[in-house]
């Protein structure tokens, strides 16, 4: 699949009984409105947005966050996210890392620590 939207469509078709939650970093949320099919992604499955360094304050005001503000659930209800019909999303705070998902995947392939 070329775009995230296509991968998520494929997953949803392939495993209709699985309650997927798509996880994205808060840094990606800033430009998410420019992604191919971003609105469709929000309607395909619930989304968890993970806090990233430098994006704690800006992420909730991102264009996509504003567009889907009515679908945002409180962080305290995050455990219910997999059971919620989309669009539903949560912003999760916690320990932050400067490592990208690519850096983490590359390190795990090599058997090392990121």
PDB file of N, CA and C in Angstrom:
ATOM      1  N   UNK A   1       0.844  -1.181   0.000  1.00  0.00           N
ATOM      2  CA  UNK A   1       0.000   0.000   0.000  1.00  0.00           C
ATOM      3  C   UNK A   1       0.888   1.242   0.000  1.00  0.00           C
ATOM      4  N   UNK A   2       0.463   2.194  -0.740  1.00  0.00           N
ATOM      5  CA  UNK A   2       1.283   3.389  -0.905  1.00  0.00           C
ATOM      6  C   UNK A   2       1.048   4.430   0.174  1.00  0.00           C
ATOM      7  N   UNK A   3      -0.172   4.517   0.659  1.00  0.00           N
ATOM      8  CA  UNK A   3      -0.525   5.521   1.652  1.00  0.00           C
ATOM      9  C   UNK A   3      -1.073   4.839   2.904  1.00  0.00           C
ATOM     10  N   UNK A   4      -0.964   5.521   4.035  1.00  0.00           N
ATOM     11  CA  UNK A   4      -1.487   4.992   5.298  1.00  0.00           C
ATOM     12  C   UNK A   4      -2.949   4.603   5.153  1.00  0.00           C
ATOM     13  N   UNK A   5      -3.721   5.451   4.517  1.00  0.00           N
ATOM     14  CA  UNK A   5      -5.148   5.173   4.324  1.00  0.00           C
ATOM     15  C   UNK A   5      -5.356   3.821   3.658  1.00  0.00           C
ATOM     16  N   UNK A   6      -4.559   3.519   2.640  1.00  0.00           N
ATOM     17  CA  UNK A   6      -4.700   2.258   1.924  1.00  0.00           C
ATOM     18  C   UNK A   6      -4.353   1.066   2.816  1.00  0.00           C
ATOM     19  N   UNK A   7      -3.316   1.213   3.622  1.00  0.00           N
ATOM     20  CA  UNK A   7      -2.925   0.148   4.548  1.00  0.00           C
ATOM     21  C   UNK A   7      -4.029  -0.101   5.571  1.00  0.00           C
ATOM     22  N   UNK A   8      -4.602   0.952   6.097  1.00  0.00           N
ATOM     23  CA  UNK A   8      -5.662   0.798   7.092  1.00  0.00           C
ATOM     24  C   UNK A   8      -6.920   0.204   6.481  1.00  0.00           C
ATOM     25  N   UNK A   9      -7.254   0.586   5.265  1.00  0.00           N
ATOM     26  CA  UNK A   9      -8.382  -0.040   4.559  1.00  0.00           C
ATOM     27  C   UNK A   9      -8.137  -1.545   4.427  1.00  0.00           C
ATOM     28  N   UNK A  10      -6.925  -1.907   4.002  1.00  0.00           N
ATOM     29  CA  UNK A  10      -6.567  -3.309   3.811  1.00  0.00           C
ATOM     30  C   UNK A  10      -6.708  -4.082   5.129  1.00  0.00           C
ATOM     31  N   UNK A  11      -6.179  -3.510   6.208  1.00  0.00           N
ATOM     32  CA  UNK A  11      -6.272  -4.168   7.509  1.00  0.00           C
ATOM     33  C   UNK A  11      -7.724  -4.380   7.930  1.00  0.00           C
ATOM     34  N   UNK A  12      -8.531  -3.349   7.778  1.00  0.00           N
ATOM     35  CA  UNK A  12      -9.935  -3.436   8.178  1.00  0.00           C
ATOM     36  C   UNK A  12     -10.680  -4.498   7.367  1.00  0.00           C
ATOM     37  N   UNK A  13     -10.372  -4.606   6.074  1.00  0.00           N
ATOM     38  CA  UNK A  13     -11.004  -5.630   5.233  1.00  0.00           C
ATOM     39  C   UNK A  13     -10.488  -7.021   5.580  1.00  0.00           C
ATOM     40  N   UNK A  14      -9.199  -7.115   5.813  1.00  0.00           N
ATOM     41  CA  UNK A  14      -8.549  -8.403   6.060  1.00  0.00           C
ATOM     42  C   UNK A  14      -8.960  -9.010   7.405  1.00  0.00           C
ATOM     43  N   UNK A  15      -9.145  -8.175   8.397  1.00  0.00           N
ATOM     44  CA  UNK A  15      -9.469  -8.620   9.756  1.00  0.00           C
ATOM     45  C   UNK A  15     -10.684  -7.850  10.295  1.00  0.00           C
ATOM     46  N   UNK A  16     -11.871  -8.120   9.747  1.00  0.00           N
ATOM     47  CA  UNK A  16     -13.050  -7.334  10.130  1.00  0.00           C
ATOM     48  C   UNK A  16     -13.430  -7.449  11.612  1.00  0.00           C
ATOM     49  N   UNK A  17     -13.059  -8.516  12.280  1.00  0.00           N
ATOM     50  CA  UNK A  17     -13.417  -8.677  13.686  1.00  0.00           C
ATOM     51  C   UNK A  17     -12.436  -8.059  14.662  1.00  0.00           C
ATOM     52  N   UNK A  18     -11.321  -7.546  14.147  1.00  0.00           N
ATOM     53  CA  UNK A  18     -10.284  -6.975  15.015  1.00  0.00           C
ATOM     54  C   UNK A  18     -10.581  -5.494  15.256  1.00  0.00           C
ATOM     55  N   UNK A  19     -10.439  -5.066  16.490  1.00  0.00           N
ATOM     56  CA  UNK A  19     -10.672  -3.660  16.845  1.00  0.00           C
ATOM     57  C   UNK A  19      -9.335  -2.934  16.835  1.00  0.00           C
ATOM     58  N   UNK A  20      -8.958  -2.442  15.675  1.00  0.00           N
ATOM     59  CA  UNK A  20      -7.697  -1.731  15.511  1.00  0.00           C
ATOM     60  C   UNK A  20      -7.786  -0.321  16.086  1.00  0.00           C
ATOM     61  N   UNK A  21      -6.648   0.160  16.577  1.00  0.00           N
ATOM     62  CA  UNK A  21      -6.464   1.565  16.917  1.00  0.00           C
ATOM     63  C   UNK A  21      -5.192   1.991  16.204  1.00  0.00           C
ATOM     64  N   UNK A  22      -5.296   3.035  15.417  1.00  0.00           N
ATOM     65  CA  UNK A  22      -4.112   3.531  14.727  1.00  0.00           C
ATOM     66  C   UNK A  22      -3.398   4.505  15.650  1.00  0.00           C
ATOM     67  N   UNK A  23      -2.096   4.348  15.777  1.00  0.00           N
ATOM     68  CA  UNK A  23      -1.282   5.172  16.664  1.00  0.00           C
ATOM     69  C   UNK A  23      -0.411   6.098  15.825  1.00  0.00           C
ATOM     70  N   UNK A  24      -0.457   7.378  16.157  1.00  0.00           N
ATOM     71  CA  UNK A  24       0.381   8.352  15.463  1.00  0.00           C
ATOM     72  C   UNK A  24       1.002   9.293  16.487  1.00  0.00           C
ATOM     73  N   UNK A  25       2.143   9.864  16.145  1.00  0.00           N
ATOM     74  CA  UNK A  25       2.797  10.834  17.009  1.00  0.00           C
ATOM     75  C   UNK A  25       2.182  12.214  16.854  1.00  0.00           C
ATOM     76  N   UNK A  26       2.246  12.986  17.916  1.00  0.00           N
ATOM     77  CA  UNK A  26       1.704  14.343  17.882  1.00  0.00           C
ATOM     78  C   UNK A  26       2.398  15.199  16.840  1.00  0.00           C
ATOM     79  N   UNK A  27       3.649  14.892  16.523  1.00  0.00           N
ATOM     80  CA  UNK A  27       4.350  15.642  15.482  1.00  0.00           C
ATOM     81  C   UNK A  27       3.698  15.425  14.117  1.00  0.00           C
ATOM     82  N   UNK A  28       3.168  14.232  13.875  1.00  0.00           N
ATOM     83  CA  UNK A  28       2.475  13.947  12.613  1.00  0.00           C
ATOM     84  C   UNK A  28       1.108  14.620  12.552  1.00  0.00           C
ATOM     85  N   UNK A  29       0.489  14.804  13.703  1.00  0.00           N
ATOM     86  CA  UNK A  29      -0.828  15.437  13.722  1.00  0.00           C
ATOM     87  C   UNK A  29      -0.787  16.853  13.155  1.00  0.00           C
ATOM     88  N   UNK A  30       0.335  17.533  13.328  1.00  0.00           N
ATOM     89  CA  UNK A  30       0.458  18.911  12.845  1.00  0.00           C
ATOM     90  C   UNK A  30       0.234  19.016  11.337  1.00  0.00           C
ATOM     91  N   UNK A  31       0.672  18.016  10.586  1.00  0.00           N
ATOM     92  CA  UNK A  31       0.516  18.053   9.123  1.00  0.00           C
ATOM     93  C   UNK A  31      -0.503  17.026   8.629  1.00  0.00           C
ATOM     94  N   UNK A  32      -1.205  16.395   9.516  1.00  0.00           N
ATOM     95  CA  UNK A  32      -2.119  15.307   9.162  1.00  0.00           C
ATOM     96  C   UNK A  32      -3.187  15.738   8.156  1.00  0.00           C
ATOM     97  N   UNK A  33      -3.640  16.974   8.228  1.00  0.00           N
ATOM     98  CA  UNK A  33      -4.666  17.459   7.301  1.00  0.00           C
ATOM     99  C   UNK A  33      -4.183  17.430   5.851  1.00  0.00           C
ATOM    100  N   UNK A  34      -2.866  17.351   5.645  1.00  0.00           N
ATOM    101  CA  UNK A  34      -2.322  17.300   4.279  1.00  0.00           C
ATOM    102  C   UNK A  34      -2.107  15.867   3.794  1.00  0.00           C
ATOM    103  N   UNK A  35      -2.317  14.890   4.652  1.00  0.00           N
ATOM    104  CA  UNK A  35      -2.136  13.491   4.266  1.00  0.00           C
ATOM    105  C   UNK A  35      -3.254  13.066   3.331  1.00  0.00           C
ATOM    106  N   UNK A  36      -2.936  12.191   2.398  1.00  0.00           N
ATOM    107  CA  UNK A  36      -3.941  11.637   1.494  1.00  0.00           C
ATOM    108  C   UNK A  36      -4.958  10.841   2.310  1.00  0.00           C
ATOM    109  N   UNK A  37      -6.198  11.264   2.275  1.00  0.00           N
ATOM    110  CA  UNK A  37      -7.266  10.534   2.958  1.00  0.00           C
ATOM    111  C   UNK A  37      -7.283  10.686   4.471  1.00  0.00           C
ATOM    112  N   UNK A  38      -6.792  11.793   4.994  1.00  0.00           N
ATOM    113  CA  UNK A  38      -6.724  11.950   6.452  1.00  0.00           C
ATOM    114  C   UNK A  38      -8.099  11.855   7.115  1.00  0.00           C
ATOM    115  N   UNK A  39      -9.110  12.463   6.519  1.00  0.00           N
ATOM    116  CA  UNK A  39     -10.453  12.383   7.108  1.00  0.00           C
ATOM    117  C   UNK A  39     -10.965  10.945   7.078  1.00  0.00           C
ATOM    118  N   UNK A  40     -10.663  10.229   6.014  1.00  0.00           N
ATOM    119  CA  UNK A  40     -11.074   8.833   5.923  1.00  0.00           C
ATOM    120  C   UNK A  40     -10.369   7.990   6.984  1.00  0.00           C
ATOM    121  N   UNK A  41      -9.100   8.278   7.236  1.00  0.00           N
ATOM    122  CA  UNK A  41      -8.359   7.556   8.276  1.00  0.00           C
ATOM    123  C   UNK A  41      -9.079   7.722   9.616  1.00  0.00           C
ATOM    124  N   UNK A  42      -9.504   8.923   9.931  1.00  0.00           N
ATOM    125  CA  UNK A  42     -10.195   9.175  11.194  1.00  0.00           C
ATOM    126  C   UNK A  42     -11.518   8.423  11.273  1.00  0.00           C
ATOM    127  N   UNK A  43     -12.102   8.130  10.110  1.00  0.00           N
ATOM    128  CA  UNK A  43     -13.391   7.426  10.084  1.00  0.00           C
ATOM    129  C   UNK A  43     -13.234   5.912   9.934  1.00  0.00           C
ATOM    130  N   UNK A  44     -12.015   5.447   9.652  1.00  0.00           N
ATOM    131  CA  UNK A  44     -11.773   4.008   9.492  1.00  0.00           C
ATOM    132  C   UNK A  44     -11.619   3.282  10.822  1.00  0.00           C
ATOM    133  N   UNK A  45     -10.915   3.925  11.751  1.00  0.00           N
ATOM    134  CA  UNK A  45     -10.669   3.301  13.045  1.00  0.00           C
ATOM    135  C   UNK A  45     -10.308   4.377  14.057  1.00  0.00           C
ATOM    136  N   UNK A  46     -10.463   4.062  15.349  1.00  0.00           N
ATOM    137  CA  UNK A  46     -10.056   5.032  16.373  1.00  0.00           C
ATOM    138  C   UNK A  46      -8.564   5.335  16.265  1.00  0.00           C
ATOM    139  N   UNK A  47      -8.184   6.511  16.752  1.00  0.00           N
ATOM    140  CA  UNK A  47      -6.808   6.987  16.640  1.00  0.00           C
ATOM    141  C   UNK A  47      -6.291   7.406  18.018  1.00  0.00           C
ATOM    142  N   UNK A  48      -5.094   6.956  18.343  1.00  0.00           N
ATOM    143  CA  UNK A  48      -4.405   7.406  19.551  1.00  0.00           C
ATOM    144  C   UNK A  48      -3.238   8.282  19.102  1.00  0.00           C
ATOM    145  N   UNK A  49      -3.206   9.505  19.581  1.00  0.00           N
ATOM    146  CA  UNK A  49      -2.127  10.440  19.262  1.00  0.00           C
ATOM    147  C   UNK A  49      -1.210  10.492  20.485  1.00  0.00           C
ATOM    148  N   UNK A  50       0.047  10.148  20.272  1.00  0.00           N
ATOM    149  CA  UNK A  50       1.021  10.082  21.356  1.00  0.00           C
ATOM    150  C   UNK A  50       1.809  11.387  21.421  1.00  0.00           C
ATOM    151  N   UNK A  51       1.877  11.946  22.609  1.00  0.00           N
ATOM    152  CA  UNK A  51       2.624  13.188  22.826  1.00  0.00           C
ATOM    153  C   UNK A  51       4.072  13.015  22.379  1.00  0.00           C
ATOM    154  N   UNK A  52       4.622  14.042  21.768  1.00  0.00           N
ATOM    155  CA  UNK A  52       6.021  14.043  21.316  1.00  0.00           C
ATOM    156  C   UNK A  52       6.665  15.326  21.803  1.00  0.00           C
ATOM    157  N   UNK A  53       7.953  15.291  22.050  1.00  0.00           N
ATOM    158  CA  UNK A  53       8.645  16.500  22.508  1.00  0.00           C
ATOM    159  C   UNK A  53       8.380  17.682  21.571  1.00  0.00           C
ATOM    160  N   UNK A  54       8.016  18.797  22.170  1.00  0.00           N
ATOM    161  CA  UNK A  54       7.788  20.007  21.396  1.00  0.00           C
ATOM    162  C   UNK A  54       6.401  20.138  20.798  1.00  0.00           C
ATOM    163  N   UNK A  55       5.523  19.149  21.027  1.00  0.00           N
ATOM    164  CA  UNK A  55       4.196  19.184  20.406  1.00  0.00           C
ATOM    165  C   UNK A  55       3.055  19.096  21.405  1.00  0.00           C
ATOM    166  N   UNK A  56       3.360  19.119  22.686  1.00  0.00           N
ATOM    167  CA  UNK A  56       2.322  18.993  23.711  1.00  0.00           C
ATOM    168  C   UNK A  56       1.262  20.079  23.584  1.00  0.00           C
ATOM    169  N   UNK A  57       1.690  21.292  23.371  1.00  0.00           N
ATOM    170  CA  UNK A  57       0.741  22.400  23.311  1.00  0.00           C
ATOM    171  C   UNK A  57       0.181  22.624  21.912  1.00  0.00           C
ATOM    172  N   UNK A  58       0.955  22.331  20.873  1.00  0.00           N
ATOM    173  CA  UNK A  58       0.500  22.625  19.512  1.00  0.00           C
ATOM    174  C   UNK A  58      -0.421  21.549  18.936  1.00  0.00           C
ATOM    175  N   UNK A  59      -0.279  20.305  19.349  1.00  0.00           N
ATOM    176  CA  UNK A  59      -1.069  19.221  18.764  1.00  0.00           C
ATOM    177  C   UNK A  59      -2.577  19.430  18.906  1.00  0.00           C
ATOM    178  N   UNK A  60      -3.077  19.784  20.078  1.00  0.00           N
ATOM    179  CA  UNK A  60      -4.532  19.952  20.189  1.00  0.00           C
ATOM    180  C   UNK A  60      -5.101  21.071  19.324  1.00  0.00           C
ATOM    181  N   UNK A  61      -4.263  21.994  18.872  1.00  0.00           N
ATOM    182  CA  UNK A  61      -4.758  23.067  18.020  1.00  0.00           C
ATOM    183  C   UNK A  61      -4.490  22.806  16.534  1.00  0.00           C
ATOM    184  N   UNK A  62      -3.964  21.639  16.205  1.00  0.00           N
ATOM    185  CA  UNK A  62      -3.725  21.279  14.802  1.00  0.00           C
ATOM    186  C   UNK A  62      -5.056  21.250  14.045  1.00  0.00           C
ATOM    187  N   UNK A  63      -4.998  21.488  12.759  1.00  0.00           N
ATOM    188  CA  UNK A  63      -6.214  21.560  11.952  1.00  0.00           C
ATOM    189  C   UNK A  63      -7.058  20.285  12.076  1.00  0.00           C
ATOM    190  N   UNK A  64      -6.428  19.117  12.000  1.00  0.00           N
ATOM    191  CA  UNK A  64      -7.177  17.861  12.110  1.00  0.00           C
ATOM    192  C   UNK A  64      -7.783  17.707  13.502  1.00  0.00           C
ATOM    193  N   UNK A  65      -7.064  18.121  14.529  1.00  0.00           N
ATOM    194  CA  UNK A  65      -7.583  18.045  15.899  1.00  0.00           C
ATOM    195  C   UNK A  65      -8.817  18.935  16.050  1.00  0.00           C
ATOM    196  N   UNK A  66      -8.767  20.094  15.450  1.00  0.00           N
ATOM    197  CA  UNK A  66      -9.928  20.997  15.509  1.00  0.00           C
ATOM    198  C   UNK A  66     -11.103  20.430  14.727  1.00  0.00           C
ATOM    199  N   UNK A  67     -10.812  19.884  13.550  1.00  0.00           N
ATOM    200  CA  UNK A  67     -11.879  19.337  12.703  1.00  0.00           C
ATOM    201  C   UNK A  67     -12.616  18.197  13.398  1.00  0.00           C
ATOM    202  N   UNK A  68     -11.871  17.371  14.134  1.00  0.00           N
ATOM    203  CA  UNK A  68     -12.465  16.220  14.808  1.00  0.00           C
ATOM    204  C   UNK A  68     -12.538  16.423  16.324  1.00  0.00           C
ATOM    205  N   UNK A  69     -12.652  17.661  16.760  1.00  0.00           N
ATOM    206  CA  UNK A  69     -12.664  17.950  18.198  1.00  0.00           C
ATOM    207  C   UNK A  69     -13.832  17.265  18.914  1.00  0.00           C
ATOM    208  N   UNK A  70     -14.975  17.145  18.252  1.00  0.00           N
ATOM    209  CA  UNK A  70     -16.135  16.498  18.877  1.00  0.00           C
ATOM    210  C   UNK A  70     -15.906  15.006  19.094  1.00  0.00           C
ATOM    211  N   UNK A  71     -14.959  14.423  18.370  1.00  0.00           N
ATOM    212  CA  UNK A  71     -14.678  12.986  18.485  1.00  0.00           C
ATOM    213  C   UNK A  71     -13.563  12.684  19.482  1.00  0.00           C
ATOM    214  N   UNK A  72     -12.970  13.728  20.054  1.00  0.00           N
ATOM    215  CA  UNK A  72     -11.881  13.518  21.011  1.00  0.00           C
ATOM    216  C   UNK A  72     -12.452  13.053  22.347  1.00  0.00           C
ATOM    217  N   UNK A  73     -11.827  12.024  22.903  1.00  0.00           N
ATOM    218  CA  UNK A  73     -12.252  11.525  24.201  1.00  0.00           C
ATOM    219  C   UNK A  73     -11.205  11.907  25.250  1.00  0.00           C
ATOM    220  N   UNK A  74     -11.602  11.991  26.505  1.00  0.00           N
ATOM    221  CA  UNK A  74     -10.634  12.315  27.551  1.00  0.00           C
ATOM    222  C   UNK A  74      -9.582  11.209  27.692  1.00  0.00           C
ATOM    223  N   UNK A  75      -8.384  11.614  28.041  1.00  0.00           N
ATOM    224  CA  UNK A  75      -7.304  10.648  28.225  1.00  0.00           C
ATOM    225  C   UNK A  75      -7.680   9.588  29.259  1.00  0.00           C
ATOM    226  N   UNK A  76      -8.443   9.956  30.244  1.00  0.00           N
ATOM    227  CA  UNK A  76      -8.855   9.003  31.279  1.00  0.00           C
ATOM    228  C   UNK A  76      -9.745   7.892  30.731  1.00  0.00           C
ATOM    229  N   UNK A  77     -10.330   8.083  29.548  1.00  0.00           N
ATOM    230  CA  UNK A  77     -11.181   7.070  28.912  1.00  0.00           C
ATOM    231  C   UNK A  77     -10.455   6.311  27.803  1.00  0.00           C
ATOM    232  N   UNK A  78      -9.143   6.473  27.702  1.00  0.00           N
ATOM    233  CA  UNK A  78      -8.375   5.892  26.597  1.00  0.00           C
ATOM    234  C   UNK A  78      -8.532   4.379  26.493  1.00  0.00           C
ATOM    235  N   UNK A  79      -8.698   3.685  27.600  1.00  0.00           N
ATOM    236  CA  UNK A  79      -8.810   2.221  27.539  1.00  0.00           C
ATOM    237  C   UNK A  79     -10.069   1.776  26.789  1.00  0.00           C
ATOM    238  N   UNK A  80     -11.052   2.658  26.655  1.00  0.00           N
ATOM    239  CA  UNK A  80     -12.274   2.333  25.915  1.00  0.00           C
ATOM    240  C   UNK A  80     -12.139   2.584  24.420  1.00  0.00           C
ATOM    241  N   UNK A  81     -11.050   3.208  23.994  1.00  0.00           N
ATOM    242  CA  UNK A  81     -10.891   3.602  22.590  1.00  0.00           C
ATOM    243  C   UNK A  81     -11.079   2.444  21.601  1.00  0.00           C
ATOM    244  N   UNK A  82     -10.516   1.258  21.841  1.00  0.00           N
ATOM    245  CA  UNK A  82     -10.700   0.179  20.859  1.00  0.00           C
ATOM    246  C   UNK A  82     -12.159  -0.215  20.638  1.00  0.00           C
ATOM    247  N   UNK A  83     -13.001   0.042  21.605  1.00  0.00           N
ATOM    248  CA  UNK A  83     -14.410  -0.332  21.495  1.00  0.00           C
ATOM    249  C   UNK A  83     -15.297   0.796  20.964  1.00  0.00           C
ATOM    250  N   UNK A  84     -14.708   1.939  20.690  1.00  0.00           N
ATOM    251  CA  UNK A  84     -15.489   3.081  20.232  1.00  0.00           C
ATOM    252  C   UNK A  84     -15.576   3.100  18.712  1.00  0.00           C
ATOM    253  N   UNK A  85     -16.737   3.460  18.183  1.00  0.00           N
ATOM    254  CA  UNK A  85     -16.839   3.592  16.731  1.00  0.00           C
ATOM    255  C   UNK A  85     -16.127   4.863  16.269  1.00  0.00           C
ATOM    256  N   UNK A  86     -15.429   4.780  15.157  1.00  0.00           N
ATOM    257  CA  UNK A  86     -14.771   5.983  14.643  1.00  0.00           C
ATOM    258  C   UNK A  86     -15.802   6.949  14.061  1.00  0.00           C
ATOM    259  N   UNK A  87     -15.519   8.222  14.029  1.00  0.00           N
ATOM    260  CA  UNK A  87     -14.254   8.805  14.480  1.00  0.00           C
ATOM    261  C   UNK A  87     -14.218   8.920  16.003  1.00  0.00           C
ATOM    262  N   UNK A  88     -13.119   8.510  16.567  1.00  0.00           N
ATOM    263  CA  UNK A  88     -12.838   8.676  17.992  1.00  0.00           C
ATOM    264  C   UNK A  88     -11.328   8.763  18.115  1.00  0.00           C
ATOM    265  N   UNK A  89     -10.870   9.678  18.949  1.00  0.00           N
ATOM    266  CA  UNK A  89      -9.427   9.790  19.122  1.00  0.00           C
ATOM    267  C   UNK A  89      -9.106  10.333  20.507  1.00  0.00           C
ATOM    268  N   UNK A  90      -7.862  10.075  20.906  1.00  0.00           N
ATOM    269  CA  UNK A  90      -7.399  10.515  22.211  1.00  0.00           C
ATOM    270  C   UNK A  90      -5.975  11.038  22.085  1.00  0.00           C
ATOM    271  N   UNK A  91      -5.655  12.017  22.898  1.00  0.00           N
ATOM    272  CA  UNK A  91      -4.286  12.525  22.979  1.00  0.00           C
ATOM    273  C   UNK A  91      -3.690  11.976  24.262  1.00  0.00           C
ATOM    274  N   UNK A  92      -2.626  11.195  24.146  1.00  0.00           N
ATOM    275  CA  UNK A  92      -2.010  10.537  25.294  1.00  0.00           C
ATOM    276  C   UNK A  92      -0.714  11.217  25.692  1.00  0.00           C
ATOM    277  N   UNK A  93      -0.615  11.565  26.946  1.00  0.00           N
ATOM    278  CA  UNK A  93       0.608  12.119  27.514  1.00  0.00           C
ATOM    279  C   UNK A  93       1.386  10.987  28.165  1.00  0.00           C
ATOM    280  N   UNK A  94       2.627  11.191  28.372  1.00  0.00           N
ATOM    281  CA  UNK A  94       3.439  10.179  29.037  1.00  0.00           C
ATOM    282  C   UNK A  94       4.898  10.461  28.781  1.00  0.00           C
ATOM    283  N   UNK A  95       5.746   9.499  29.105  1.00  0.00           N
ATOM    284  CA  UNK A  95       7.173   9.700  28.821  1.00  0.00           C
ATOM    285  C   UNK A  95       7.357   9.955  27.326  1.00  0.00           C
ATOM    286  N   UNK A  96       8.128  10.972  26.999  1.00  0.00           N
ATOM    287  CA  UNK A  96       8.336  11.338  25.595  1.00  0.00           C
ATOM    288  C   UNK A  96       9.731  10.963  25.155  1.00  0.00           C
ATOM    289  N   UNK A  97       9.826  10.658  23.884  1.00  0.00           N
ATOM    290  CA  UNK A  97      11.104  10.277  23.303  1.00  0.00           C
ATOM    291  C   UNK A  97      11.330  11.075  22.033  1.00  0.00           C
ATOM    292  N   UNK A  98      12.578  11.420  21.768  1.00  0.00           N
ATOM    293  CA  UNK A  98      12.929  12.096  20.521  1.00  0.00           C
ATOM    294  C   UNK A  98      13.112  11.095  19.383  1.00  0.00           C
ATOM    295  N   UNK A  99      13.096   9.792  19.697  1.00  0.00           N
ATOM    296  CA  UNK A  99      13.288   8.777  18.670  1.00  0.00           C
ATOM    297  C   UNK A  99      12.052   8.674  17.787  1.00  0.00           C
ATOM    298  N   UNK A 100      12.285   8.524  16.504  1.00  0.00           N
ATOM    299  CA  UNK A 100      11.178   8.315  15.578  1.00  0.00           C
ATOM    300  C   UNK A 100      10.840   6.825  15.542  1.00  0.00           C
ATOM    301  N   UNK A 101       9.658   6.506  15.041  1.00  0.00           N
ATOM    302  CA  UNK A 101       9.284   5.090  14.920  1.00  0.00           C
ATOM    303  C   UNK A 101      10.252   4.369  13.987  1.00  0.00           C
ATOM    304  N   UNK A 102      10.747   5.055  12.973  1.00  0.00           N
ATOM    305  CA  UNK A 102      11.732   4.453  12.060  1.00  0.00           C
ATOM    306  C   UNK A 102      13.005   4.084  12.807  1.00  0.00           C
ATOM    307  N   UNK A 103      13.484   4.975  13.665  1.00  0.00           N
ATOM    308  CA  UNK A 103      14.694   4.682  14.442  1.00  0.00           C
ATOM    309  C   UNK A 103      14.474   3.485  15.375  1.00  0.00           C
ATOM    310  N   UNK A 104      13.317   3.411  15.981  1.00  0.00           N
ATOM    311  CA  UNK A 104      13.011   2.293  16.884  1.00  0.00           C
ATOM    312  C   UNK A 104      12.942   0.990  16.098  1.00  0.00           C
ATOM    313  N   UNK A 105      12.262   0.999  14.941  1.00  0.00           N
ATOM    314  CA  UNK A 105      12.175  -0.218  14.110  1.00  0.00           C
ATOM    315  C   UNK A 105      13.553  -0.654  13.637  1.00  0.00           C
ATOM    316  N   UNK A 106      14.361   0.297  13.164  1.00  0.00           N
ATOM    317  CA  UNK A 106      15.706  -0.046  12.682  1.00  0.00           C
ATOM    318  C   UNK A 106      16.546  -0.674  13.782  1.00  0.00           C
ATOM    319  N   UNK A 107      16.465  -0.130  14.982  1.00  0.00           N
ATOM    320  CA  UNK A 107      17.236  -0.676  16.099  1.00  0.00           C
ATOM    321  C   UNK A 107      16.756  -2.069  16.470  1.00  0.00           C
ATOM    322  N   UNK A 108      15.443  -2.274  16.435  1.00  0.00           N
ATOM    323  CA  UNK A 108      14.925  -3.590  16.817  1.00  0.00           C
ATOM    324  C   UNK A 108      15.288  -4.653  15.776  1.00  0.00           C
ATOM    325  N   UNK A 109      15.377  -4.270  14.516  1.00  0.00           N
ATOM    326  CA  UNK A 109      15.797  -5.217  13.472  1.00  0.00           C
ATOM    327  C   UNK A 109      17.236  -5.652  13.671  1.00  0.00           C
ATOM    328  N   UNK A 110      18.034  -4.727  14.180  1.00  0.00           N
ATOM    329  CA  UNK A 110      19.437  -5.028  14.406  1.00  0.00           C
ATOM    330  C   UNK A 110      19.696  -5.687  15.746  1.00  0.00           C
ATOM    331  N   UNK A 111      18.641  -5.864  16.537  1.00  0.00           N
ATOM    332  CA  UNK A 111      18.785  -6.506  17.827  1.00  0.00           C
ATOM    333  C   UNK A 111      19.306  -5.593  18.917  1.00  0.00           C
ATOM    334  N   UNK A 112      19.457  -4.309  18.607  1.00  0.00           N
ATOM    335  CA  UNK A 112      19.985  -3.373  19.600  1.00  0.00           C
ATOM    336  C   UNK A 112      18.917  -2.518  20.216  1.00  0.00           C
ATOM    337  N   UNK A 113      19.346  -1.698  21.111  1.00  0.00           N
ATOM    338  CA  UNK A 113      18.459  -0.735  21.754  1.00  0.00           C
ATOM    339  C   UNK A 113      18.467   0.557  20.933  1.00  0.00           C
ATOM    340  N   UNK A 114      17.309   1.211  20.837  1.00  0.00           N
ATOM    341  CA  UNK A 114      17.279   2.496  20.112  1.00  0.00           C
ATOM    342  C   UNK A 114      18.045   3.576  20.839  1.00  0.00           C
TER     343      UNK A 114
END
